[in-house]
Amino acid sequence: MDHNRELLERLWTPDSELALSPEAEHEMRTEDYVLEMPQSGERIVGRDPMRAMQQEYPNPPSIEILRITGSGDNFVVLGRSDYGGDVYYVANVVEFRDGRIARETRIYGAPFDPPAWRAKYATSPPQ
């Protein structure tokens, strides 16, 4: 199996809970790691600030991993995050360099019902 994919899979337990501490995740990131979250405009630069942010996070969501796709240095992790009843779907674009996570772009979207004109073409995703 791909080493980078194995690193991603180690982040969560089989029941989709975060498996690693901020300190353990810190070791998986490059020194110049960058996290971008376009919806909020946040950009965290450096693995030390990322670890500090994680350590202060007041109430982390539960995260259900739906799929991990990619190979080599580029992956996309699709998930469903539950912040105590507020649900968001997450697309996390993860870029590796030299076997460590160098960059992530996390895009969050709230679920919504399809418009009536389009609903007839869609099926519900498996739960």
Protein backbone atom coordinates (compact mmCIF):
# COMPACT_ATOMS: atom_id res chain seq x y z
CA MET A 1 0.00 0.00 0.00
CA ASP A 2 1.05 3.59 -0.60
CA HIS A 3 2.96 5.05 2.41
CA ASN A 4 1.14 8.40 2.19
CA ARG A 5 -2.26 6.73 2.12
CA GLU A 6 -1.28 4.69 5.19
CA LEU A 7 -0.43 7.93 7.01
CA LEU A 8 -3.87 9.34 6.20
CA GLU A 9 -5.64 6.17 7.30
CA ARG A 10 -3.77 6.25 10.65
CA LEU A 11 -5.45 9.57 11.49
CA TRP A 12 -8.79 7.89 12.23
CA THR A 13 -9.91 4.78 14.10
CA PRO A 14 -12.16 2.23 12.36
CA ASP A 15 -15.16 4.03 13.90
CA SER A 16 -13.98 7.35 12.37
CA GLU A 17 -12.79 8.99 15.59
CA LEU A 18 -9.51 10.89 15.50
CA ALA A 19 -6.85 8.35 16.44
CA LEU A 20 -3.82 10.58 16.89
CA SER A 21 -3.03 13.40 19.26
CA PRO A 22 -2.03 16.88 18.06
CA GLU A 23 1.56 15.89 18.95
CA ALA A 24 1.45 12.73 16.82
CA GLU A 25 -0.12 14.62 13.90
CA HIS A 26 2.58 17.29 14.30
CA GLU A 27 5.21 14.69 13.40
CA MET A 28 3.30 13.83 10.19
CA ARG A 29 3.54 17.41 8.87
CA THR A 30 6.35 19.34 7.21
CA GLU A 31 7.83 22.34 9.04
CA ASP A 32 6.30 24.68 6.44
CA TYR A 33 2.90 22.97 6.48
CA VAL A 34 -0.07 25.08 5.29
CA LEU A 35 -3.76 24.60 6.07
CA GLU A 36 -6.29 26.66 4.12
CA MET A 37 -10.02 26.85 4.80
CA PRO A 38 -11.55 28.95 1.99
CA GLN A 39 -14.99 29.43 3.59
CA SER A 40 -13.57 31.22 6.63
CA GLY A 41 -10.52 32.68 4.93
CA GLU A 42 -8.21 31.05 7.47
CA ARG A 43 -4.66 30.12 6.55
CA ILE A 44 -2.50 28.44 9.17
CA VAL A 45 1.18 28.37 8.23
CA GLY A 46 3.59 26.04 10.01
CA ARG A 47 3.13 22.80 11.86
CA ASP A 48 3.70 24.46 15.27
CA PRO A 49 0.74 26.87 14.89
CA MET A 50 -1.38 23.96 13.63
CA ARG A 51 -0.55 21.88 16.71
CA ALA A 52 -1.32 24.86 18.99
CA MET A 53 -4.70 25.37 17.27
CA GLN A 54 -5.54 21.67 17.67
CA GLN A 55 -4.56 21.71 21.35
CA GLU A 56 -6.92 24.66 21.99
CA TYR A 57 -9.84 23.27 19.95
CA PRO A 58 -12.73 23.41 22.44
CA ASN A 59 -14.99 20.62 21.14
CA PRO A 60 -13.72 18.64 18.13
CA PRO A 61 -16.41 17.17 15.86
CA SER A 62 -16.99 13.50 15.27
CA ILE A 63 -15.77 12.68 11.77
CA GLU A 64 -17.05 9.91 9.54
CA ILE A 65 -14.61 9.16 6.73
CA LEU A 66 -16.58 8.39 3.58
CA ARG A 67 -13.72 7.89 1.15
CA ILE A 68 -10.03 8.44 0.58
CA THR A 69 -8.94 8.71 -3.05
CA GLY A 70 -5.62 9.46 -4.67
CA SER A 71 -2.09 8.15 -4.84
CA GLY A 72 1.47 9.35 -4.61
CA ASP A 73 1.58 12.85 -3.13
CA ASN A 74 -2.05 13.89 -3.77
CA PHE A 75 -5.17 12.68 -1.97
CA VAL A 76 -8.73 13.77 -1.31
CA VAL A 77 -10.45 12.75 1.91
CA LEU A 78 -14.23 13.01 1.89
CA GLY A 79 -15.93 13.04 5.25
CA ARG A 80 -18.94 14.02 7.29
CA SER A 81 -18.28 16.11 10.40
CA ASP A 82 -20.83 16.44 13.19
CA TYR A 83 -20.34 19.42 15.49
CA GLY A 84 -22.93 18.39 18.07
CA GLY A 85 -25.82 18.32 15.58
CA ASP A 86 -24.46 20.79 13.04
CA VAL A 87 -23.38 18.57 10.14
CA TYR A 88 -20.91 19.51 7.41
CA TYR A 89 -19.51 17.49 4.56
CA VAL A 90 -15.78 18.00 4.13
CA ALA A 91 -13.54 17.64 1.10
CA ASN A 92 -9.95 17.74 2.30
CA VAL A 93 -7.30 18.05 -0.43
CA VAL A 94 -4.07 16.71 1.05
CA GLU A 95 -0.65 17.20 -0.53
CA PHE A 96 2.46 15.31 0.63
CA ARG A 97 6.13 16.12 0.27
CA ASP A 98 8.86 13.67 1.25
CA GLY A 99 6.42 11.42 3.12
CA ARG A 100 4.86 14.18 5.24
CA ILE A 101 1.72 16.28 4.88
CA ALA A 102 2.77 19.61 3.38
CA ARG A 103 -0.57 21.25 2.57
CA GLU A 104 -4.28 20.76 3.19
CA THR A 105 -7.25 22.61 1.78
CA ARG A 106 -10.44 21.86 3.70
CA ILE A 107 -13.72 22.76 2.07
CA TYR A 108 -16.87 22.54 4.20
CA GLY A 109 -20.44 22.35 2.97
CA ALA A 110 -23.71 22.06 4.86
CA PRO A 111 -26.19 19.47 3.54
CA PHE A 112 -29.20 20.74 1.61
CA ASP A 113 -32.16 19.28 -0.25
CA PRO A 114 -31.91 19.22 -4.03
CA PRO A 115 -34.14 21.61 -5.95
CA ALA A 116 -37.37 20.01 -7.14
CA TRP A 117 -36.44 20.21 -10.84
CA ARG A 118 -33.27 18.15 -10.20
CA ALA A 119 -34.50 15.75 -7.52
CA LYS A 120 -36.12 13.44 -10.08
CA TYR A 121 -32.69 12.63 -11.55
CA ALA A 122 -30.94 11.80 -8.30
CA THR A 123 -30.97 8.87 -5.93
CA SER A 124 -30.17 9.12 -2.26
CA PRO A 125 -26.61 8.19 -1.35
CA PRO A 126 -26.18 5.05 0.77
CA GLN A 127 -26.13 5.76 4.51
